């Protein structure tokens, strides 16, 4: 097992992970980065309907080893006030 650190970059600025997570495989690292991105998207997509968030993964030595990012955009094709809610 190795410790990996997941630094978050979003509209609020960078957040450095000082605790890290012990994971056994690189696949587990990818899954953790994915989980973080989806959690952030669920919590932070607001009324703007836009979000860009990036996670930089560092190894135990502090070296960046992976960058994962998610871009979300929702564009209304009609005025949302004229579309009936379901």
C-alpha atoms as a PDB file:
ATOM      1  CA  UNK A   1       0.000   0.000   0.000  1.00  0.00           C
ATOM      2  CA  UNK A   2       1.128   3.516  -0.759  1.00  0.00           C
ATOM      3  CA  UNK A   3      -0.174   6.891   0.377  1.00  0.00           C
ATOM      4  CA  UNK A   4      -1.581   9.231  -2.256  1.00  0.00           C
ATOM      5  CA  UNK A   5      -2.624  12.860  -1.895  1.00  0.00           C
ATOM      6  CA  UNK A   6      -5.536  14.383  -3.806  1.00  0.00           C
ATOM      7  CA  UNK A   7      -5.228  18.155  -4.285  1.00  0.00           C
ATOM      8  CA  UNK A   8      -8.425  19.886  -5.386  1.00  0.00           C
ATOM      9  CA  UNK A   9      -8.560  22.818  -7.803  1.00  0.00           C
ATOM     10  CA  UNK A  10     -11.950  24.492  -8.320  1.00  0.00           C
ATOM     11  CA  UNK A  11     -13.500  27.951  -8.432  1.00  0.00           C
ATOM     12  CA  UNK A  12     -12.713  28.470  -4.739  1.00  0.00           C
ATOM     13  CA  UNK A  13      -8.988  28.042  -5.390  1.00  0.00           C
ATOM     14  CA  UNK A  14      -6.579  25.197  -4.701  1.00  0.00           C
ATOM     15  CA  UNK A  15      -6.995  22.948  -1.652  1.00  0.00           C
ATOM     16  CA  UNK A  16      -3.935  20.879  -0.744  1.00  0.00           C
ATOM     17  CA  UNK A  17      -4.488  17.419   0.725  1.00  0.00           C
ATOM     18  CA  UNK A  18      -2.165  17.074   3.712  1.00  0.00           C
ATOM     19  CA  UNK A  19      -3.564  13.749   4.966  1.00  0.00           C
ATOM     20  CA  UNK A  20      -3.690  11.452   1.935  1.00  0.00           C
ATOM     21  CA  UNK A  21      -5.210   8.018   1.529  1.00  0.00           C
ATOM     22  CA  UNK A  22      -3.510   4.637   1.512  1.00  0.00           C
ATOM     23  CA  UNK A  23      -4.383   2.696  -1.626  1.00  0.00           C
ATOM     24  CA  UNK A  24      -3.103  -0.583  -2.997  1.00  0.00           C
ATOM     25  CA  UNK A  25      -3.321  -0.096  -6.773  1.00  0.00           C
ATOM     26  CA  UNK A  26      -3.274   2.627  -9.417  1.00  0.00           C
ATOM     27  CA  UNK A  27      -6.811   1.548 -10.322  1.00  0.00           C
ATOM     28  CA  UNK A  28      -7.835   2.384  -6.750  1.00  0.00           C
ATOM     29  CA  UNK A  29      -6.195   5.804  -7.172  1.00  0.00           C
ATOM     30  CA  UNK A  30      -8.278   6.406 -10.310  1.00  0.00           C
ATOM     31  CA  UNK A  31     -11.447   5.313  -8.500  1.00  0.00           C
ATOM     32  CA  UNK A  32     -10.721   7.663  -5.583  1.00  0.00           C
ATOM     33  CA  UNK A  33     -10.097  10.612  -7.921  1.00  0.00           C
ATOM     34  CA  UNK A  34     -13.368   9.807  -9.712  1.00  0.00           C
ATOM     35  CA  UNK A  35     -15.263   9.624  -6.428  1.00  0.00           C
ATOM     36  CA  UNK A  36     -13.878  13.004  -5.351  1.00  0.00           C
ATOM     37  CA  UNK A  37     -14.799  14.656  -8.661  1.00  0.00           C
ATOM     38  CA  UNK A  38     -18.354  13.293  -8.591  1.00  0.00           C
ATOM     39  CA  UNK A  39     -18.866  14.316  -4.957  1.00  0.00           C
ATOM     40  CA  UNK A  40     -17.680  17.845  -5.729  1.00  0.00           C
ATOM     41  CA  UNK A  41     -19.911  18.042  -8.804  1.00  0.00           C
ATOM     42  CA  UNK A  42     -22.942  16.886  -6.814  1.00  0.00           C
ATOM     43  CA  UNK A  43     -22.284  19.458  -4.069  1.00  0.00           C
ATOM     44  CA  UNK A  44     -21.067  22.461  -6.061  1.00  0.00           C
ATOM     45  CA  UNK A  45     -23.064  22.681  -9.289  1.00  0.00           C
ATOM     46  CA  UNK A  46     -25.261  25.610  -8.434  1.00  0.00           C
ATOM     47  CA  UNK A  47     -27.589  27.941 -10.267  1.00  0.00           C
ATOM     48  CA  UNK A  48     -24.918  28.747 -12.834  1.00  0.00           C
ATOM     49  CA  UNK A  49     -25.052  25.179 -14.197  1.00  0.00           C
ATOM     50  CA  UNK A  50     -21.296  25.253 -14.746  1.00  0.00           C
ATOM     51  CA  UNK A  51     -18.391  23.628 -12.982  1.00  0.00           C
ATOM     52  CA  UNK A  52     -14.759  22.882 -13.737  1.00  0.00           C
ATOM     53  CA  UNK A  53     -12.904  20.889 -11.104  1.00  0.00           C
ATOM     54  CA  UNK A  54      -9.503  19.200 -11.208  1.00  0.00           C
ATOM     55  CA  UNK A  55      -7.791  16.754  -8.873  1.00  0.00           C
ATOM     56  CA  UNK A  56      -4.012  16.435  -8.943  1.00  0.00           C
ATOM     57  CA  UNK A  57      -2.756  13.202  -7.379  1.00  0.00           C
ATOM     58  CA  UNK A  58       0.634  13.185  -5.649  1.00  0.00           C
ATOM     59  CA  UNK A  59       2.612  10.150  -4.485  1.00  0.00           C
ATOM     60  CA  UNK A  60       4.263   9.719  -1.079  1.00  0.00           C
ATOM     61  CA  UNK A  61       7.272  11.755  -2.222  1.00  0.00           C
ATOM     62  CA  UNK A  62       4.992  14.639  -3.223  1.00  0.00           C
ATOM     63  CA  UNK A  63       5.457  14.120  -6.962  1.00  0.00           C
ATOM     64  CA  UNK A  64       2.386  14.679  -9.146  1.00  0.00           C
ATOM     65  CA  UNK A  65       1.464  11.397 -10.843  1.00  0.00           C
ATOM     66  CA  UNK A  66      -2.012  12.019 -12.263  1.00  0.00           C
ATOM     67  CA  UNK A  67      -4.458  14.787 -13.105  1.00  0.00           C
ATOM     68  CA  UNK A  68      -8.179  14.109 -13.361  1.00  0.00           C
ATOM     69  CA  UNK A  69     -10.713  16.762 -14.289  1.00  0.00           C
ATOM     70  CA  UNK A  70     -14.431  17.150 -14.758  1.00  0.00           C
ATOM     71  CA  UNK A  71     -16.247  19.844 -16.697  1.00  0.00           C
ATOM     72  CA  UNK A  72     -19.991  20.236 -16.311  1.00  0.00           C
ATOM     73  CA  UNK A  73     -22.146  22.642 -18.280  1.00  0.00           C
ATOM     74  CA  UNK A  74     -25.919  22.903 -18.552  1.00  0.00           C
ATOM     75  CA  UNK A  75     -27.347  25.157 -21.258  1.00  0.00           C
ATOM     76  CA  UNK A  76     -31.070  25.852 -21.463  1.00  0.00           C
ATOM     77  CA  UNK A  77     -32.381  25.690 -25.025  1.00  0.00           C
ATOM     78  CA  UNK A  78     -35.461  27.665 -24.044  1.00  0.00           C
ATOM     79  CA  UNK A  79     -36.137  30.174 -21.329  1.00  0.00           C
ATOM     80  CA  UNK A  80     -36.441  27.917 -18.255  1.00  0.00           C
ATOM     81  CA  UNK A  81     -39.339  30.050 -16.944  1.00  0.00           C
ATOM     82  CA  UNK A  82     -41.455  29.047 -19.958  1.00  0.00           C
ATOM     83  CA  UNK A  83     -40.757  25.304 -19.709  1.00  0.00           C
ATOM     84  CA  UNK A  84     -43.308  23.495 -17.518  1.00  0.00           C
ATOM     85  CA  UNK A  85     -41.759  21.652 -14.578  1.00  0.00           C
ATOM     86  CA  UNK A  86     -42.450  17.952 -14.353  1.00  0.00           C
END
